[in-house]
Amino acid sequence: MNIVVKLFAGARDIVGKNEVALEFESPITIGELRTRLIDQHPALQPLLPYAMFAIETTYCDDATPIPKNATVACIPPVSGG
């Protein structure tokens, strides 16, 4: 199962890419994806616990299953004023 994760803001800056592709043997949840991203990119550890995820255009929680060949957006928290 191939999942493309689009990265924005700080996550993109940390990884140095706009997106990463991950391969899984079986269906997974957003929470499992979050863990895999930290495993592959440890520098994301401080950011990912607070990041929102969306499948296509729908925000999801950690229990949400990811459909086959989905595009997932990782949207870190932002601040500004």
C-alpha atoms as a PDB file:
ATOM      1  CA  MET A   1       0.000   0.000   0.000  1.00  0.00           C
ATOM      2  CA  ASN A   2       1.517   3.305  -1.086  1.00  0.00           C
ATOM      3  CA  ILE A   3       0.716   6.527   0.796  1.00  0.00           C
ATOM      4  CA  VAL A   4       1.893   9.980  -0.255  1.00  0.00           C
ATOM      5  CA  VAL A   5       2.223  12.432   2.624  1.00  0.00           C
ATOM      6  CA  LYS A   6       2.262  16.092   1.649  1.00  0.00           C
ATOM      7  CA  LEU A   7       4.297  18.200   4.071  1.00  0.00           C
ATOM      8  CA  PHE A   8       3.658  21.836   4.886  1.00  0.00           C
ATOM      9  CA  ALA A   9       5.384  24.645   6.826  1.00  0.00           C
ATOM     10  CA  GLY A  10       7.774  23.385   9.527  1.00  0.00           C
ATOM     11  CA  ALA A  11       7.407  19.709   8.544  1.00  0.00           C
ATOM     12  CA  ARG A  12       8.473  20.555   4.985  1.00  0.00           C
ATOM     13  CA  ASP A  13      11.400  22.587   6.291  1.00  0.00           C
ATOM     14  CA  ILE A  14      12.583  19.759   8.566  1.00  0.00           C
ATOM     15  CA  VAL A  15      12.370  17.009   5.941  1.00  0.00           C
ATOM     16  CA  GLY A  16      13.522  19.217   3.065  1.00  0.00           C
ATOM     17  CA  LYS A  17      10.810  17.968   0.686  1.00  0.00           C
ATOM     18  CA  ASN A  18       7.213  18.837  -0.173  1.00  0.00           C
ATOM     19  CA  GLU A  19       6.124  15.221   0.159  1.00  0.00           C
ATOM     20  CA  VAL A  20       7.277  11.748   1.099  1.00  0.00           C
ATOM     21  CA  ALA A  21       6.003   8.377  -0.137  1.00  0.00           C
ATOM     22  CA  LEU A  22       5.657   5.525   2.329  1.00  0.00           C
ATOM     23  CA  GLU A  23       4.966   1.869   1.606  1.00  0.00           C
ATOM     24  CA  PHE A  24       2.962  -0.304   4.013  1.00  0.00           C
ATOM     25  CA  GLU A  25       2.095  -3.996   3.785  1.00  0.00           C
ATOM     26  CA  SER A  26      -1.401  -3.585   5.214  1.00  0.00           C
ATOM     27  CA  PRO A  27      -3.923  -0.821   5.891  1.00  0.00           C
ATOM     28  CA  ILE A  28      -2.915   1.590   8.636  1.00  0.00           C
ATOM     29  CA  THR A  29      -4.353   4.456  10.650  1.00  0.00           C
ATOM     30  CA  ILE A  30      -3.281   8.076  10.870  1.00  0.00           C
ATOM     31  CA  GLY A  31      -1.732   7.297  14.275  1.00  0.00           C
ATOM     32  CA  GLU A  32       0.413   4.534  12.756  1.00  0.00           C
ATOM     33  CA  LEU A  33       1.415   6.868   9.941  1.00  0.00           C
ATOM     34  CA  ARG A  34       2.412   9.507  12.497  1.00  0.00           C
ATOM     35  CA  THR A  35       4.653   6.939  14.221  1.00  0.00           C
ATOM     36  CA  ARG A  36       6.237   5.820  10.933  1.00  0.00           C
ATOM     37  CA  LEU A  37       6.991   9.416   9.960  1.00  0.00           C
ATOM     38  CA  ILE A  38       8.805   9.934  13.272  1.00  0.00           C
ATOM     39  CA  ASP A  39      10.709   6.654  12.765  1.00  0.00           C
ATOM     40  CA  GLN A  40      11.888   7.748   9.313  1.00  0.00           C
ATOM     41  CA  HIS A  41      12.406  11.420  10.153  1.00  0.00           C
ATOM     42  CA  PRO A  42      13.286  11.677  13.885  1.00  0.00           C
ATOM     43  CA  ALA A  43      13.640  15.460  13.647  1.00  0.00           C
ATOM     44  CA  LEU A  44       9.833  15.607  13.247  1.00  0.00           C
ATOM     45  CA  GLN A  45       9.347  14.250  16.806  1.00  0.00           C
ATOM     46  CA  PRO A  46       8.701  17.635  18.477  1.00  0.00           C
ATOM     47  CA  LEU A  47       6.269  18.715  15.750  1.00  0.00           C
ATOM     48  CA  LEU A  48       4.136  15.687  14.848  1.00  0.00           C
ATOM     49  CA  PRO A  49       2.287  15.225  18.146  1.00  0.00           C
ATOM     50  CA  TYR A  50       0.644  18.597  17.461  1.00  0.00           C
ATOM     51  CA  ALA A  51       0.170  18.274  13.695  1.00  0.00           C
ATOM     52  CA  MET A  52      -3.221  17.815  12.063  1.00  0.00           C
ATOM     53  CA  PHE A  53      -3.665  15.266   9.300  1.00  0.00           C
ATOM     54  CA  ALA A  54      -6.145  15.226   6.438  1.00  0.00           C
ATOM     55  CA  ILE A  55      -6.997  12.527   3.934  1.00  0.00           C
ATOM     56  CA  GLU A  56      -7.725  14.272   0.659  1.00  0.00           C
ATOM     57  CA  THR A  57      -9.763  17.242   2.052  1.00  0.00           C
ATOM     58  CA  THR A  58     -11.080  15.758   5.329  1.00  0.00           C
ATOM     59  CA  TYR A  59      -9.343  16.279   8.685  1.00  0.00           C
ATOM     60  CA  CYS A  60      -8.773  13.035  10.577  1.00  0.00           C
ATOM     61  CA  ASP A  61      -7.880  11.787  14.033  1.00  0.00           C
ATOM     62  CA  ASP A  62      -5.348   9.078  14.880  1.00  0.00           C
ATOM     63  CA  ALA A  63      -7.951   6.288  14.700  1.00  0.00           C
ATOM     64  CA  THR A  64      -8.921   7.073  11.093  1.00  0.00           C
ATOM     65  CA  PRO A  65      -7.950   4.305   8.640  1.00  0.00           C
ATOM     66  CA  ILE A  66      -6.112   5.445   5.526  1.00  0.00           C
ATOM     67  CA  PRO A  67      -7.529   4.152   2.233  1.00  0.00           C
ATOM     68  CA  LYS A  68      -5.286   2.487  -0.313  1.00  0.00           C
ATOM     69  CA  ASN A  69      -3.232   4.917  -2.448  1.00  0.00           C
ATOM     70  CA  ALA A  70      -4.457   7.930  -0.471  1.00  0.00           C
ATOM     71  CA  THR A  71      -2.839  11.332  -0.337  1.00  0.00           C
ATOM     72  CA  VAL A  72      -2.458  12.537   3.236  1.00  0.00           C
ATOM     73  CA  ALA A  73      -1.629  16.091   4.271  1.00  0.00           C
ATOM     74  CA  CYS A  74       0.491  16.736   7.369  1.00  0.00           C
ATOM     75  CA  ILE A  75      -0.379  20.195   8.639  1.00  0.00           C
ATOM     76  CA  PRO A  76       1.786  21.360  11.550  1.00  0.00           C
ATOM     77  CA  PRO A  77       0.651  24.056  13.956  1.00  0.00           C
ATOM     78  CA  VAL A  78       1.465  27.605  12.919  1.00  0.00           C
ATOM     79  CA  SER A  79       1.758  30.826  14.828  1.00  0.00           C
ATOM     80  CA  GLY A  80       1.929  34.388  13.824  1.00  0.00           C
ATOM     81  CA  GLY A  81       0.409  37.700  14.396  1.00  0.00           C
END
